[in-house]
């Protein structure tokens, strides 16, 4: 696992801020919500610590693949409504790198 905080690739929320995952981690008797994401969430990508929460997964069109689907970067909606991906994590989202966030 890397040093980046676990968060949704679309809404950028941390798992402890999403009720669905808090409740699920309690139901699975895990030590933390992050543990639930890393062990049970099918969209979790350990190479970048990103996952896609259920609402966002639906919002981006429920992508799939032969071996499942995992986000390769942060997803943004362009002015014309199409979804784009920024496939590199330049700092963590709290840092608000101006090269990414303007």
C-alpha atoms as a PDB file:
ATOM      1  CA  UNK A   1       0.000   0.000   0.000  1.00  0.00           C
ATOM      2  CA  UNK A   2       1.192   3.570  -0.611  1.00  0.00           C
ATOM      3  CA  UNK A   3       1.179   6.733   1.503  1.00  0.00           C
ATOM      4  CA  UNK A   4      -1.932   8.307  -0.029  1.00  0.00           C
ATOM      5  CA  UNK A   5      -5.126   8.408   2.013  1.00  0.00           C
ATOM      6  CA  UNK A   6      -7.921   6.123   0.875  1.00  0.00           C
ATOM      7  CA  UNK A   7     -10.668   8.081  -0.885  1.00  0.00           C
ATOM      8  CA  UNK A   8     -13.292   7.917  -3.616  1.00  0.00           C
ATOM      9  CA  UNK A   9     -11.845   8.646  -7.058  1.00  0.00           C
ATOM     10  CA  UNK A  10     -14.859  10.769  -8.016  1.00  0.00           C
ATOM     11  CA  UNK A  11     -16.263  12.669  -4.997  1.00  0.00           C
ATOM     12  CA  UNK A  12     -12.877  12.550  -3.160  1.00  0.00           C
ATOM     13  CA  UNK A  13     -14.594  11.601   0.125  1.00  0.00           C
ATOM     14  CA  UNK A  14     -12.776   9.472   2.670  1.00  0.00           C
ATOM     15  CA  UNK A  15     -14.617   6.224   3.562  1.00  0.00           C
ATOM     16  CA  UNK A  16     -15.280   7.312   7.161  1.00  0.00           C
ATOM     17  CA  UNK A  17     -17.422  10.131   5.722  1.00  0.00           C
ATOM     18  CA  UNK A  18     -19.723   7.782   3.792  1.00  0.00           C
ATOM     19  CA  UNK A  19     -22.429   6.193   5.968  1.00  0.00           C
ATOM     20  CA  UNK A  20     -22.745   3.081   3.788  1.00  0.00           C
ATOM     21  CA  UNK A  21     -19.115   2.130   4.477  1.00  0.00           C
ATOM     22  CA  UNK A  22     -19.177   3.046   8.162  1.00  0.00           C
ATOM     23  CA  UNK A  23     -22.196   0.779   8.676  1.00  0.00           C
ATOM     24  CA  UNK A  24     -20.671  -2.019   6.602  1.00  0.00           C
ATOM     25  CA  UNK A  25     -17.403  -1.943   8.557  1.00  0.00           C
ATOM     26  CA  UNK A  26     -19.339  -2.281  11.820  1.00  0.00           C
ATOM     27  CA  UNK A  27     -21.332  -5.178  10.361  1.00  0.00           C
ATOM     28  CA  UNK A  28     -18.113  -6.937   9.337  1.00  0.00           C
ATOM     29  CA  UNK A  29     -16.541  -6.341  12.783  1.00  0.00           C
ATOM     30  CA  UNK A  30     -13.467  -4.674  11.269  1.00  0.00           C
ATOM     31  CA  UNK A  31     -11.188  -2.266  13.150  1.00  0.00           C
ATOM     32  CA  UNK A  32     -11.710   0.636  10.744  1.00  0.00           C
ATOM     33  CA  UNK A  33     -13.653   1.773   7.716  1.00  0.00           C
ATOM     34  CA  UNK A  34     -10.370   1.813   5.767  1.00  0.00           C
ATOM     35  CA  UNK A  35      -9.968  -1.896   6.594  1.00  0.00           C
ATOM     36  CA  UNK A  36     -13.413  -2.540   5.125  1.00  0.00           C
ATOM     37  CA  UNK A  37     -12.472  -0.733   1.906  1.00  0.00           C
ATOM     38  CA  UNK A  38      -9.150  -2.552   1.485  1.00  0.00           C
ATOM     39  CA  UNK A  39     -10.624  -5.971   2.256  1.00  0.00           C
ATOM     40  CA  UNK A  40     -14.164  -5.874   0.882  1.00  0.00           C
ATOM     41  CA  UNK A  41     -14.611  -3.060  -1.681  1.00  0.00           C
ATOM     42  CA  UNK A  42     -14.305  -4.446  -5.198  1.00  0.00           C
ATOM     43  CA  UNK A  43     -13.277  -1.134  -6.764  1.00  0.00           C
ATOM     44  CA  UNK A  44     -10.378  -0.508  -4.350  1.00  0.00           C
ATOM     45  CA  UNK A  45      -7.068  -0.030  -6.170  1.00  0.00           C
ATOM     46  CA  UNK A  46      -4.121  -0.651  -3.796  1.00  0.00           C
ATOM     47  CA  UNK A  47      -1.649   0.965  -6.189  1.00  0.00           C
ATOM     48  CA  UNK A  48      -3.179   4.425  -5.668  1.00  0.00           C
ATOM     49  CA  UNK A  49      -5.506   3.913  -2.646  1.00  0.00           C
ATOM     50  CA  UNK A  50      -8.566   4.956  -4.639  1.00  0.00           C
ATOM     51  CA  UNK A  51     -11.976   3.295  -4.718  1.00  0.00           C
ATOM     52  CA  UNK A  52     -15.330   4.371  -6.087  1.00  0.00           C
ATOM     53  CA  UNK A  53     -18.235   4.767  -3.678  1.00  0.00           C
ATOM     54  CA  UNK A  54     -21.554   3.306  -4.801  1.00  0.00           C
ATOM     55  CA  UNK A  55     -23.156   6.641  -5.746  1.00  0.00           C
ATOM     56  CA  UNK A  56     -20.142   7.699  -7.809  1.00  0.00           C
ATOM     57  CA  UNK A  57     -19.760   4.279  -9.420  1.00  0.00           C
ATOM     58  CA  UNK A  58     -23.312   4.637 -10.733  1.00  0.00           C
ATOM     59  CA  UNK A  59     -22.679   8.276 -11.727  1.00  0.00           C
ATOM     60  CA  UNK A  60     -19.713   7.352 -13.969  1.00  0.00           C
ATOM     61  CA  UNK A  61     -21.676   4.579 -15.687  1.00  0.00           C
ATOM     62  CA  UNK A  62     -20.769   1.474 -13.640  1.00  0.00           C
ATOM     63  CA  UNK A  63     -17.610   0.563 -15.584  1.00  0.00           C
ATOM     64  CA  UNK A  64     -16.593  -3.081 -15.675  1.00  0.00           C
ATOM     65  CA  UNK A  65     -13.953  -5.322 -17.125  1.00  0.00           C
ATOM     66  CA  UNK A  66     -13.049  -8.966 -17.495  1.00  0.00           C
ATOM     67  CA  UNK A  67     -11.173  -8.927 -14.177  1.00  0.00           C
ATOM     68  CA  UNK A  68     -13.319  -6.284 -12.495  1.00  0.00           C
ATOM     69  CA  UNK A  69     -12.729  -2.546 -12.550  1.00  0.00           C
ATOM     70  CA  UNK A  70     -10.611  -0.255 -10.365  1.00  0.00           C
ATOM     71  CA  UNK A  71     -10.012   3.495 -10.706  1.00  0.00           C
ATOM     72  CA  UNK A  72      -6.621   4.384 -12.133  1.00  0.00           C
ATOM     73  CA  UNK A  73      -6.865   8.019 -11.027  1.00  0.00           C
ATOM     74  CA  UNK A  74      -9.230  10.812 -10.052  1.00  0.00           C
ATOM     75  CA  UNK A  75     -12.309  11.281 -12.242  1.00  0.00           C
ATOM     76  CA  UNK A  76     -13.605  14.691 -13.338  1.00  0.00           C
ATOM     77  CA  UNK A  77     -16.582  15.668 -15.455  1.00  0.00           C
ATOM     78  CA  UNK A  78     -15.663  18.014 -18.305  1.00  0.00           C
ATOM     79  CA  UNK A  79     -17.785  20.959 -19.473  1.00  0.00           C
ATOM     80  CA  UNK A  80     -19.413  18.809 -22.165  1.00  0.00           C
ATOM     81  CA  UNK A  81     -20.432  16.175 -19.599  1.00  0.00           C
ATOM     82  CA  UNK A  82     -17.903  13.486 -20.462  1.00  0.00           C
ATOM     83  CA  UNK A  83     -15.851  11.847 -17.705  1.00  0.00           C
ATOM     84  CA  UNK A  84     -12.067  12.284 -17.737  1.00  0.00           C
ATOM     85  CA  UNK A  85      -9.399  10.703 -15.555  1.00  0.00           C
ATOM     86  CA  UNK A  86      -6.286  12.277 -14.052  1.00  0.00           C
ATOM     87  CA  UNK A  87      -4.141   9.173 -13.760  1.00  0.00           C
ATOM     88  CA  UNK A  88      -1.407  10.570 -11.527  1.00  0.00           C
ATOM     89  CA  UNK A  89      -1.718  11.536  -7.886  1.00  0.00           C
ATOM     90  CA  UNK A  90       0.240  14.747  -7.467  1.00  0.00           C
ATOM     91  CA  UNK A  91       0.122  15.100  -3.709  1.00  0.00           C
ATOM     92  CA  UNK A  92      -2.943  14.196  -1.755  1.00  0.00           C
ATOM     93  CA  UNK A  93      -6.212  16.046  -2.289  1.00  0.00           C
ATOM     94  CA  UNK A  94      -5.889  18.094   0.927  1.00  0.00           C
ATOM     95  CA  UNK A  95      -2.798  19.785  -0.496  1.00  0.00           C
ATOM     96  CA  UNK A  96      -4.790  21.206  -3.416  1.00  0.00           C
ATOM     97  CA  UNK A  97      -1.886  21.247  -5.839  1.00  0.00           C
ATOM     98  CA  UNK A  98      -2.434  24.247  -8.180  1.00  0.00           C
ATOM     99  CA  UNK A  99      -1.172  22.213 -11.154  1.00  0.00           C
ATOM    100  CA  UNK A 100      -4.222  19.983 -10.720  1.00  0.00           C
ATOM    101  CA  UNK A 101      -6.831  22.218  -9.106  1.00  0.00           C
ATOM    102  CA  UNK A 102      -5.955  25.578 -10.704  1.00  0.00           C
END
